[in-house]
C-alpha atoms as a PDB file:
ATOM      1  CA  MET A   1      13.932 -14.623  11.095  1.00  0.00           C
ATOM      2  CA  ASP A   2      11.247 -14.375  14.009  1.00  0.00           C
ATOM      3  CA  PRO A   3      10.721 -18.007  15.011  1.00  0.00           C
ATOM      4  CA  GLU A   4       6.984 -17.697  14.939  1.00  0.00           C
ATOM      5  CA  LEU A   5       7.048 -16.651  11.354  1.00  0.00           C
ATOM      6  CA  GLU A   6       9.753 -19.229  10.582  1.00  0.00           C
ATOM      7  CA  ALA A   7       7.261 -21.827  11.533  1.00  0.00           C
ATOM      8  CA  PHE A   8       4.768 -20.659   8.737  1.00  0.00           C
ATOM      9  CA  VAL A   9       7.242 -20.441   5.907  1.00  0.00           C
ATOM     10  CA  PRO A  10       7.055 -24.122   4.565  1.00  0.00           C
ATOM     11  CA  PHE A  11       3.202 -23.419   4.043  1.00  0.00           C
ATOM     12  CA  LEU A  12       3.563 -20.376   2.019  1.00  0.00           C
ATOM     13  CA  PRO A  13       2.361 -20.455  -1.546  1.00  0.00           C
ATOM     14  CA  HIS A  14       5.021 -19.449  -4.209  1.00  0.00           C
ATOM     15  CA  PHE A  15       3.807 -17.072  -6.670  1.00  0.00           C
ATOM     16  CA  ASP A  16       5.079 -17.074 -10.293  1.00  0.00           C
ATOM     17  CA  MET A  17       4.820 -13.279 -11.153  1.00  0.00           C
ATOM     18  CA  ASN A  18       5.627 -14.160 -14.928  1.00  0.00           C
ATOM     19  CA  ASP A  19       2.185 -15.774 -14.805  1.00  0.00           C
ATOM     20  CA  PRO A  20      -0.294 -13.290 -13.709  1.00  0.00           C
ATOM     21  CA  VAL A  21      -3.366 -15.636 -14.068  1.00  0.00           C
ATOM     22  CA  ALA A  22      -1.923 -18.342 -11.722  1.00  0.00           C
ATOM     23  CA  ALA A  23      -0.524 -15.706  -9.447  1.00  0.00           C
ATOM     24  CA  ARG A  24      -4.079 -14.085  -8.990  1.00  0.00           C
ATOM     25  CA  LYS A  25      -5.542 -17.668  -8.387  1.00  0.00           C
ATOM     26  CA  ILE A  26      -3.082 -18.258  -5.689  1.00  0.00           C
ATOM     27  CA  PHE A  27      -3.344 -14.730  -4.197  1.00  0.00           C
ATOM     28  CA  ALA A  28      -7.032 -14.882  -4.038  1.00  0.00           C
ATOM     29  CA  GLU A  29      -7.141 -18.433  -2.496  1.00  0.00           C
ATOM     30  CA  ARG A  30      -4.519 -17.052   0.304  1.00  0.00           C
ATOM     31  CA  ALA A  31      -6.892 -14.017   1.021  1.00  0.00           C
ATOM     32  CA  ALA A  32      -9.857 -16.263   0.992  1.00  0.00           C
ATOM     33  CA  SER A  33      -8.288 -18.402   3.907  1.00  0.00           C
ATOM     34  CA  ALA A  34      -7.858 -15.468   6.233  1.00  0.00           C
ATOM     35  CA  PRO A  35     -10.003 -15.043   9.002  1.00  0.00           C
ATOM     36  CA  ALA A  36     -13.158 -12.703   8.549  1.00  0.00           C
ATOM     37  CA  PRO A  37     -12.434  -9.355   9.976  1.00  0.00           C
ATOM     38  CA  ASP A  38     -15.090  -7.914  12.492  1.00  0.00           C
ATOM     39  CA  THR A  39     -17.077  -5.232  10.932  1.00  0.00           C
ATOM     40  CA  SER A  40     -19.868  -4.969  13.303  1.00  0.00           C
ATOM     41  CA  ARG A  41     -18.868  -1.442  14.461  1.00  0.00           C
ATOM     42  CA  MET A  42     -18.716   0.121  10.948  1.00  0.00           C
ATOM     43  CA  GLU A  43     -20.658   0.521   7.854  1.00  0.00           C
ATOM     44  CA  VAL A  44     -19.105  -1.299   4.650  1.00  0.00           C
ATOM     45  CA  GLU A  45     -20.376   0.035   1.160  1.00  0.00           C
ATOM     46  CA  ASP A  46     -19.294  -0.765  -2.528  1.00  0.00           C
ATOM     47  CA  ARG A  47     -19.339   2.335  -4.635  1.00  0.00           C
ATOM     48  CA  THR A  48     -18.215   3.393  -7.835  1.00  0.00           C
ATOM     49  CA  VAL A  49     -15.969   6.486  -8.472  1.00  0.00           C
ATOM     50  CA  PRO A  50     -17.096   8.183 -11.590  1.00  0.00           C
ATOM     51  CA  ALA A  51     -13.939   8.509 -14.164  1.00  0.00           C
ATOM     52  CA  ASP A  52     -12.773   6.968 -17.394  1.00  0.00           C
ATOM     53  CA  PRO A  53     -13.162   4.022 -16.765  1.00  0.00           C
ATOM     54  CA  ASP A  54     -15.094   4.165 -13.528  1.00  0.00           C
ATOM     55  CA  VAL A  55     -13.188   3.146 -10.264  1.00  0.00           C
ATOM     56  CA  PRO A  56     -14.854   0.439  -7.888  1.00  0.00           C
ATOM     57  CA  VAL A  57     -14.110   1.289  -4.274  1.00  0.00           C
ATOM     58  CA  ARG A  58     -15.404  -0.153  -0.945  1.00  0.00           C
ATOM     59  CA  ILE A  59     -15.817   1.929   1.911  1.00  0.00           C
ATOM     60  CA  TYR A  60     -15.463   1.301   5.754  1.00  0.00           C
ATOM     61  CA  ARG A  61     -17.113   3.638   7.756  1.00  0.00           C
ATOM     62  CA  PRO A  62     -16.513   3.396  11.531  1.00  0.00           C
ATOM     63  CA  HIS A  63     -18.697   5.244  13.876  1.00  0.00           C
ATOM     64  CA  ARG A  64     -17.408   8.650  14.903  1.00  0.00           C
ATOM     65  CA  ALA A  65     -14.566   8.464  12.067  1.00  0.00           C
ATOM     66  CA  GLN A  66     -11.906  10.912  12.133  1.00  0.00           C
ATOM     67  CA  GLY A  67     -10.435  11.586   8.676  1.00  0.00           C
ATOM     68  CA  ALA A  68     -10.169   9.120   5.534  1.00  0.00           C
ATOM     69  CA  LEU A  69      -7.581   6.900   4.151  1.00  0.00           C
ATOM     70  CA  VAL A  70      -7.419   6.262   0.471  1.00  0.00           C
ATOM     71  CA  TRP A  71      -6.019   2.717   0.590  1.00  0.00           C
ATOM     72  CA  LEU A  72      -4.117   0.828  -2.280  1.00  0.00           C
ATOM     73  CA  HIS A  73      -3.766  -2.934  -2.062  1.00  0.00           C
ATOM     74  CA  GLY A  74      -0.651  -4.808  -2.450  1.00  0.00           C
ATOM     75  CA  GLY A  75      -0.249  -7.676  -5.031  1.00  0.00           C
ATOM     76  CA  GLY A  76       2.620  -6.345  -7.262  1.00  0.00           C
ATOM     77  CA  GLY A  77       0.539  -4.365  -9.219  1.00  0.00           C
ATOM     78  CA  ILE A  78      -0.921  -7.502 -11.148  1.00  0.00           C
ATOM     79  CA  CYS A  79      -2.787  -9.137  -8.070  1.00  0.00           C
ATOM     80  CA  GLY A  80      -5.400  -7.808  -5.728  1.00  0.00           C
ATOM     81  CA  ASP A  81      -9.288  -6.474  -5.574  1.00  0.00           C
ATOM     82  CA  LEU A  82     -11.555  -5.178  -3.080  1.00  0.00           C
ATOM     83  CA  ASP A  83     -12.234  -8.860  -1.621  1.00  0.00           C
ATOM     84  CA  THR A  84      -8.743  -9.940  -1.228  1.00  0.00           C
ATOM     85  CA  GLU A  85      -7.921  -6.613   0.506  1.00  0.00           C
ATOM     86  CA  HIS A  86     -11.315  -6.859   2.559  1.00  0.00           C
ATOM     87  CA  PRO A  87      -9.371  -7.930   5.757  1.00  0.00           C
ATOM     88  CA  TRP A  88      -6.454  -5.658   5.606  1.00  0.00           C
ATOM     89  CA  ALA A  89      -9.121  -2.610   4.988  1.00  0.00           C
ATOM     90  CA  ALA A  90     -11.558  -3.480   7.862  1.00  0.00           C
ATOM     91  CA  ARG A  91      -8.721  -4.043  10.082  1.00  0.00           C
ATOM     92  CA  LEU A  92      -7.241  -0.636   9.305  1.00  0.00           C
ATOM     93  CA  ALA A  93     -10.486   1.351   9.658  1.00  0.00           C
ATOM     94  CA  SER A  94     -11.071  -0.514  13.125  1.00  0.00           C
ATOM     95  CA  LEU A  95      -7.634   0.310  14.485  1.00  0.00           C
ATOM     96  CA  SER A  96      -7.502   3.741  13.232  1.00  0.00           C
ATOM     97  CA  GLY A  97     -10.942   5.050  13.494  1.00  0.00           C
ATOM     98  CA  ALA A  98     -10.635   6.466   9.962  1.00  0.00           C
ATOM     99  CA  VAL A  99     -12.812   5.925   7.054  1.00  0.00           C
ATOM    100  CA  VAL A 100     -10.918   3.764   4.608  1.00  0.00           C
ATOM    101  CA  VAL A 101     -11.709   3.814   0.833  1.00  0.00           C
ATOM    102  CA  SER A 102     -10.231   0.785  -0.675  1.00  0.00           C
ATOM    103  CA  VAL A 103      -9.380   1.160  -4.285  1.00  0.00           C
ATOM    104  CA  ALA A 104      -9.819  -1.494  -6.796  1.00  0.00           C
ATOM    105  CA  TYR A 105      -7.127  -0.019  -9.382  1.00  0.00           C
ATOM    106  CA  ARG A 106      -6.499  -1.269 -12.796  1.00  0.00           C
ATOM    107  CA  LEU A 107      -3.903  -4.367 -12.885  1.00  0.00           C
ATOM    108  CA  ALA A 108      -0.844  -4.964 -15.222  1.00  0.00           C
ATOM    109  CA  PRO A 109      -0.049  -6.368 -17.614  1.00  0.00           C
ATOM    110  CA  GLU A 110      -3.572  -5.691 -19.111  1.00  0.00           C
ATOM    111  CA  HIS A 111      -3.636  -2.077 -17.949  1.00  0.00           C
ATOM    112  CA  ARG A 112       0.125  -0.731 -17.597  1.00  0.00           C
ATOM    113  CA  PHE A 113       1.354   2.496 -16.015  1.00  0.00           C
ATOM    114  CA  PRO A 114      -0.484   5.227 -15.723  1.00  0.00           C
ATOM    115  CA  ALA A 115      -3.698   3.356 -15.535  1.00  0.00           C
ATOM    116  CA  ALA A 116      -3.386   2.323 -11.667  1.00  0.00           C
ATOM    117  CA  LEU A 117      -1.938   5.728 -10.650  1.00  0.00           C
ATOM    118  CA  ASP A 118      -4.912   7.445 -12.553  1.00  0.00           C
ATOM    119  CA  ASP A 119      -7.413   5.314 -10.674  1.00  0.00           C
ATOM    120  CA  ALA A 120      -5.717   6.078  -7.478  1.00  0.00           C
ATOM    121  CA  CYS A 121      -5.905   9.772  -8.083  1.00  0.00           C
ATOM    122  CA  ALA A 122      -9.288   9.805  -9.256  1.00  0.00           C
ATOM    123  CA  ALA A 123     -10.354   8.047  -5.868  1.00  0.00           C
ATOM    124  CA  LEU A 124      -8.212  10.481  -3.978  1.00  0.00           C
ATOM    125  CA  ALA A 125     -10.162  13.391  -5.795  1.00  0.00           C
ATOM    126  CA  TRP A 126     -13.685  11.549  -5.172  1.00  0.00           C
ATOM    127  CA  THR A 127     -13.014  11.352  -1.439  1.00  0.00           C
ATOM    128  CA  ALA A 128     -12.016  14.723  -1.006  1.00  0.00           C
ATOM    129  CA  GLU A 129     -15.069  15.843  -3.053  1.00  0.00           C
ATOM    130  CA  HIS A 130     -17.349  13.532  -0.769  1.00  0.00           C
ATOM    131  CA  ALA A 131     -15.929  14.289   2.580  1.00  0.00           C
ATOM    132  CA  ALA A 132     -19.036  16.078   4.060  1.00  0.00           C
ATOM    133  CA  GLU A 133     -21.110  12.591   2.713  1.00  0.00           C
ATOM    134  CA  LEU A 134     -18.402  10.475   4.182  1.00  0.00           C
ATOM    135  CA  GLY A 135     -18.514  12.535   7.809  1.00  0.00           C
ATOM    136  CA  VAL A 136     -14.797  13.382   7.357  1.00  0.00           C
ATOM    137  CA  ASP A 137     -12.717  16.808   7.411  1.00  0.00           C
ATOM    138  CA  PRO A 138     -11.382  17.333   3.844  1.00  0.00           C
ATOM    139  CA  ALA A 139      -8.037  18.667   5.493  1.00  0.00           C
ATOM    140  CA  ARG A 140      -7.533  15.180   7.090  1.00  0.00           C
ATOM    141  CA  ILE A 141      -7.431  12.739   4.031  1.00  0.00           C
ATOM    142  CA  ALA A 142      -4.473  10.381   3.992  1.00  0.00           C
ATOM    143  CA  VAL A 143      -3.185   8.057   1.101  1.00  0.00           C
ATOM    144  CA  GLY A 144      -1.397   4.650   1.816  1.00  0.00           C
ATOM    145  CA  GLY A 145      -0.514   1.274   0.687  1.00  0.00           C
ATOM    146  CA  HIS A 146       0.989  -2.016   1.164  1.00  0.00           C
ATOM    147  CA  SER A 147       3.934  -3.061  -1.356  1.00  0.00           C
ATOM    148  CA  ALA A 148       2.791  -2.065  -4.860  1.00  0.00           C
ATOM    149  CA  GLY A 149       0.032  -0.151  -3.187  1.00  0.00           C
ATOM    150  CA  GLY A 150       2.591   1.814  -1.101  1.00  0.00           C
ATOM    151  CA  GLY A 151       4.602   2.874  -4.327  1.00  0.00           C
ATOM    152  CA  LEU A 152       1.215   4.038  -5.711  1.00  0.00           C
ATOM    153  CA  ALA A 153       0.381   6.054  -2.608  1.00  0.00           C
ATOM    154  CA  ALA A 154       3.731   7.713  -2.758  1.00  0.00           C
ATOM    155  CA  ALA A 155       3.172   8.472  -6.376  1.00  0.00           C
ATOM    156  CA  THR A 156      -0.333   9.546  -5.687  1.00  0.00           C
ATOM    157  CA  ALA A 157       1.279  12.157  -3.039  1.00  0.00           C
ATOM    158  CA  LEU A 158       4.040  13.261  -5.821  1.00  0.00           C
ATOM    159  CA  ARG A 159       1.383  13.927  -8.455  1.00  0.00           C
ATOM    160  CA  ALA A 160      -1.053  15.657  -5.930  1.00  0.00           C
ATOM    161  CA  ARG A 161       1.845  17.965  -4.963  1.00  0.00           C
ATOM    162  CA  ASP A 162       2.674  18.689  -8.419  1.00  0.00           C
ATOM    163  CA  GLU A 163      -0.769  19.256 -10.042  1.00  0.00           C
ATOM    164  CA  GLN A 164      -2.155  21.001  -7.015  1.00  0.00           C
ATOM    165  CA  GLY A 165      -4.553  18.257  -6.297  1.00  0.00           C
ATOM    166  CA  PRO A 166      -6.518  17.382  -2.915  1.00  0.00           C
ATOM    167  CA  PRO A 167      -4.446  18.411  -0.045  1.00  0.00           C
ATOM    168  CA  ILE A 168      -2.978  14.922   1.613  1.00  0.00           C
ATOM    169  CA  ARG A 169      -2.486  15.146   5.219  1.00  0.00           C
ATOM    170  CA  PHE A 170      -0.332  11.902   5.488  1.00  0.00           C
ATOM    171  CA  GLN A 171       1.087   8.941   3.528  1.00  0.00           C
ATOM    172  CA  LEU A 172       1.017   5.615   5.017  1.00  0.00           C
ATOM    173  CA  LEU A 173       3.625   3.537   3.017  1.00  0.00           C
ATOM    174  CA  ASN A 174       3.910  -0.151   4.177  1.00  0.00           C
ATOM    175  CA  GLU A 175       6.710  -1.975   2.495  1.00  0.00           C
ATOM    176  CA  PRO A 176       6.373   0.065  -0.612  1.00  0.00           C
ATOM    177  CA  GLY A 177       7.824  -0.719  -3.963  1.00  0.00           C
ATOM    178  CA  LEU A 178       9.283   2.431  -5.052  1.00  0.00           C
ATOM    179  CA  ASP A 179      12.065   1.886  -7.399  1.00  0.00           C
ATOM    180  CA  ASP A 180      12.125  -0.214 -10.650  1.00  0.00           C
ATOM    181  CA  ARG A 181      16.045  -0.465 -10.654  1.00  0.00           C
ATOM    182  CA  PRO A 182      17.969  -3.084  -8.730  1.00  0.00           C
ATOM    183  CA  LEU A 183      20.425  -0.651  -7.104  1.00  0.00           C
ATOM    184  CA  THR A 184      20.158  -1.388  -3.572  1.00  0.00           C
ATOM    185  CA  TRP A 185      21.868  -4.461  -1.697  1.00  0.00           C
ATOM    186  CA  SER A 186      18.481  -5.998  -0.614  1.00  0.00           C
ATOM    187  CA  ARG A 187      16.994  -6.052  -4.242  1.00  0.00           C
ATOM    188  CA  ARG A 188      20.288  -7.570  -5.595  1.00  0.00           C
ATOM    189  CA  ASN A 189      20.572 -10.069  -2.796  1.00  0.00           C
ATOM    190  CA  PHE A 190      17.294 -11.074  -1.516  1.00  0.00           C
ATOM    191  CA  THR A 191      16.914 -13.740  -4.280  1.00  0.00           C
ATOM    192  CA  ASP A 192      15.427 -16.536  -2.005  1.00  0.00           C
ATOM    193  CA  VAL A 193      13.472 -15.083   0.989  1.00  0.00           C
ATOM    194  CA  PRO A 194       9.799 -16.067   1.526  1.00  0.00           C
ATOM    195  CA  TRP A 195       6.595 -14.667  -0.076  1.00  0.00           C
ATOM    196  CA  CYS A 196       8.420 -11.985  -2.005  1.00  0.00           C
ATOM    197  CA  ASP A 197      11.892 -12.209  -3.424  1.00  0.00           C
ATOM    198  CA  SER A 198      13.918  -9.870  -5.799  1.00  0.00           C
ATOM    199  CA  ASN A 199      12.889 -11.850  -8.910  1.00  0.00           C
ATOM    200  CA  GLN A 200       9.123 -11.518  -8.349  1.00  0.00           C
ATOM    201  CA  VAL A 201       9.660  -7.682  -7.776  1.00  0.00           C
ATOM    202  CA  ALA A 202      11.665  -7.527 -11.044  1.00  0.00           C
ATOM    203  CA  ALA A 203       8.590  -9.206 -12.924  1.00  0.00           C
ATOM    204  CA  SER A 204       6.249  -7.124 -11.287  1.00  0.00           C
ATOM    205  CA  TRP A 205       7.933  -4.037 -12.349  1.00  0.00           C
ATOM    206  CA  ARG A 206       8.142  -5.140 -16.108  1.00  0.00           C
ATOM    207  CA  HIS A 207       4.476  -6.066 -16.153  1.00  0.00           C
ATOM    208  CA  TYR A 208       3.848  -2.582 -14.643  1.00  0.00           C
ATOM    209  CA  LEU A 209       5.915  -0.885 -17.210  1.00  0.00           C
ATOM    210  CA  GLY A 210       6.233  -2.737 -20.065  1.00  0.00           C
ATOM    211  CA  SER A 211       8.523  -1.020 -22.522  1.00  0.00           C
ATOM    212  CA  ALA A 212       7.913   2.326 -21.501  1.00  0.00           C
ATOM    213  CA  PRO A 213      10.736   4.272 -19.400  1.00  0.00           C
ATOM    214  CA  ALA A 214      10.004   4.858 -15.816  1.00  0.00           C
ATOM    215  CA  THR A 215       9.169   8.180 -14.578  1.00  0.00           C
ATOM    216  CA  PRO A 216       9.003   9.445 -10.773  1.00  0.00           C
ATOM    217  CA  TYR A 217       5.117   8.786 -11.090  1.00  0.00           C
ATOM    218  CA  ALA A 218       5.602   5.339 -11.902  1.00  0.00           C
ATOM    219  CA  ALA A 219       8.765   4.735  -9.554  1.00  0.00           C
ATOM    220  CA  PRO A 220       8.741   7.596  -6.807  1.00  0.00           C
ATOM    221  CA  ALA A 221      12.624   6.863  -5.946  1.00  0.00           C
ATOM    222  CA  ARG A 222      13.213   8.586  -9.272  1.00  0.00           C
ATOM    223  CA  ALA A 223      11.684  11.714  -8.089  1.00  0.00           C
ATOM    224  CA  ASP A 224      14.510  14.446  -7.895  1.00  0.00           C
ATOM    225  CA  ASP A 225      12.610  16.633  -5.391  1.00  0.00           C
ATOM    226  CA  LEU A 226      10.777  15.321  -2.335  1.00  0.00           C
ATOM    227  CA  SER A 227       9.982  18.763  -0.543  1.00  0.00           C
ATOM    228  CA  GLY A 228       6.424  19.662   0.097  1.00  0.00           C
ATOM    229  CA  LEU A 229       5.228  15.951   0.553  1.00  0.00           C
ATOM    230  CA  PRO A 230       3.058  15.192   3.210  1.00  0.00           C
ATOM    231  CA  PRO A 231       4.432  13.532   6.380  1.00  0.00           C
ATOM    232  CA  ALA A 232       5.167   9.829   5.991  1.00  0.00           C
ATOM    233  CA  TYR A 233       5.009   6.540   8.067  1.00  0.00           C
ATOM    234  CA  ILE A 234       7.314   3.961   6.327  1.00  0.00           C
ATOM    235  CA  ALA A 235       7.474   0.385   7.503  1.00  0.00           C
ATOM    236  CA  THR A 236       9.919  -2.078   6.221  1.00  0.00           C
ATOM    237  CA  ALA A 237      10.690  -5.896   6.717  1.00  0.00           C
ATOM    238  CA  GLU A 238      13.985  -7.044   7.403  1.00  0.00           C
ATOM    239  CA  LEU A 239      13.964  -9.769   4.693  1.00  0.00           C
ATOM    240  CA  CYS A 240      12.339  -7.753   2.087  1.00  0.00           C
ATOM    241  CA  PRO A 241      13.841  -6.814  -1.235  1.00  0.00           C
ATOM    242  CA  ASN A 242      12.205  -3.287  -0.959  1.00  0.00           C
ATOM    243  CA  ARG A 243      13.900  -2.698   2.257  1.00  0.00           C
ATOM    244  CA  ASP A 244      16.999  -0.665   1.405  1.00  0.00           C
ATOM    245  CA  GLU A 245      14.870   1.597  -1.247  1.00  0.00           C
ATOM    246  CA  ASP A 246      12.215   2.310   1.585  1.00  0.00           C
ATOM    247  CA  ILE A 247      14.853   3.378   4.181  1.00  0.00           C
ATOM    248  CA  ALA A 248      16.642   5.480   1.556  1.00  0.00           C
ATOM    249  CA  TYR A 249      13.404   7.244   0.595  1.00  0.00           C
ATOM    250  CA  ALA A 250      12.690   7.936   4.227  1.00  0.00           C
ATOM    251  CA  LEU A 251      16.066   9.335   4.488  1.00  0.00           C
ATOM    252  CA  ARG A 252      15.451  11.515   1.537  1.00  0.00           C
ATOM    253  CA  LEU A 253      12.140  12.740   2.931  1.00  0.00           C
ATOM    254  CA  LEU A 254      13.750  13.690   5.935  1.00  0.00           C
ATOM    255  CA  GLN A 255      16.631  15.645   4.252  1.00  0.00           C
ATOM    256  CA  ALA A 256      13.772  17.288   2.208  1.00  0.00           C
ATOM    257  CA  GLY A 257      12.228  18.552   5.338  1.00  0.00           C
ATOM    258  CA  VAL A 258       9.535  16.144   5.537  1.00  0.00           C
ATOM    259  CA  SER A 259       8.677  14.526   8.845  1.00  0.00           C
ATOM    260  CA  VAL A 260       9.058  10.622   8.826  1.00  0.00           C
ATOM    261  CA  ASP A 261       8.239   7.911  11.040  1.00  0.00           C
ATOM    262  CA  LEU A 262      10.300   4.895  10.005  1.00  0.00           C
ATOM    263  CA  HIS A 263       9.988   1.479  11.524  1.00  0.00           C
ATOM    264  CA  GLN A 264      12.136  -1.244  10.459  1.00  0.00           C
ATOM    265  CA  TRP A 265      10.798  -4.718  11.735  1.00  0.00           C
ATOM    266  CA  PRO A 266      13.459  -7.274  12.516  1.00  0.00           C
ATOM    267  CA  GLY A 267      12.984 -10.700  11.677  1.00  0.00           C
ATOM    268  CA  THR A 268      10.098 -10.389   9.192  1.00  0.00           C
ATOM    269  CA  PHE A 269       9.585 -10.746   5.586  1.00  0.00           C
ATOM    270  CA  HIS A 270       7.492  -9.016   2.883  1.00  0.00           C
ATOM    271  CA  GLY A 271       3.901  -9.307   3.820  1.00  0.00           C
ATOM    272  CA  SER A 272       4.391 -11.053   6.962  1.00  0.00           C
ATOM    273  CA  GLN A 273       1.555  -9.430   8.607  1.00  0.00           C
ATOM    274  CA  ALA A 274      -0.782 -11.798   6.915  1.00  0.00           C
ATOM    275  CA  ILE A 275       0.443 -14.228   9.417  1.00  0.00           C
ATOM    276  CA  MET A 276      -1.755 -12.657  12.111  1.00  0.00           C
ATOM    277  CA  SER A 277      -1.080 -15.566  14.909  1.00  0.00           C
ATOM    278  CA  ALA A 278       2.355 -14.289  15.241  1.00  0.00           C
ATOM    279  CA  ALA A 279       3.171 -11.659  17.906  1.00  0.00           C
ATOM    280  CA  VAL A 280       5.439  -9.819  15.609  1.00  0.00           C
ATOM    281  CA  SER A 281       2.828  -9.315  12.900  1.00  0.00           C
ATOM    282  CA  GLN A 282       0.024  -8.347  15.271  1.00  0.00           C
ATOM    283  CA  ARG A 283       2.513  -5.547  16.567  1.00  0.00           C
ATOM    284  CA  GLN A 284       3.189  -4.434  12.831  1.00  0.00           C
ATOM    285  CA  ILE A 285      -0.555  -4.097  12.244  1.00  0.00           C
ATOM    286  CA  ALA A 286      -1.369  -2.215  15.401  1.00  0.00           C
ATOM    287  CA  ASP A 287       1.671  -0.178  14.805  1.00  0.00           C
ATOM    288  CA  VAL A 288       0.288   0.924  11.502  1.00  0.00           C
ATOM    289  CA  GLY A 289      -3.313   1.653  12.818  1.00  0.00           C
ATOM    290  CA  ALA A 290      -1.938   3.755  15.756  1.00  0.00           C
ATOM    291  CA  ALA A 291       0.318   5.730  13.330  1.00  0.00           C
ATOM    292  CA  LEU A 292      -2.789   6.564  11.008  1.00  0.00           C
ATOM    293  CA  ARG A 293      -4.954   7.331  13.927  1.00  0.00           C
ATOM    294  CA  ARG A 294      -2.415   9.832  15.455  1.00  0.00           C
ATOM    295  CA  ALA A 295      -1.799  11.563  11.952  1.00  0.00           C
ATOM    296  CA  LEU A 296      -5.608  12.094  11.365  1.00  0.00           C
ATOM    297  CA  ALA A 297      -6.457  13.048  14.794  1.00  0.00           C
ATOM    298  CA  PRO A 298      -7.995  16.427  15.341  1.00  0.00           C
END
């Protein structure tokens, strides 16, 4: 493990994903302790996307924005909201120059699949329809997310392709959860790694799916055909249970003719970007922002 990150491990909270209420409390407390982002060079506005039910979003609009990102927060599909994601979303907008539409999708287990995906797709459609109001080119809209949100972003791209939804320029998948099945070495063996281990991942999938069988829109790794999807940036952490399924997905995208920028970060663990004082975390965040800036450039 990276020595700077290792020094923080004893202070990281433990999430029991089998107890969503307790996990949400810890998740919110952790997010509240993060340094406040600099939003002086952007407009921040809370809006509501009309849907059934309506979807709350927070819009980060930098001056001279180039393109937009529909952003889906992490938290295993059971934690997270607009406030917990505020530092990440603001930083992405600042680094990339994109309008970031942060989505408060419905959470499991109260709202199982496909509720979160329906919310993500509604937010994408709304962003495309309101591109002129947002000051962006409707042909330069990306979807992205971290962890469970990354899996949602990949699923949104699949459904938009299949249902002729709004065109997506780029998919930004940061340590995404893509497969409900514990098939890979990292999912089977990372049972005692910091922040998020394979047992927590398994609990998250149970909450998200319930007793329903997984489909490719729930677990994108199950999709047989990945052709025709948008170019992707996929970032993985060395000590992350999702690592191997993410790398396998990147390879399958490449084999399907989809351009992929794959970054495997040595010495890191799932969500270690939150330790922003570590040099490797700063590099990870900067790389995500730069990738989005390049993808949405004219």
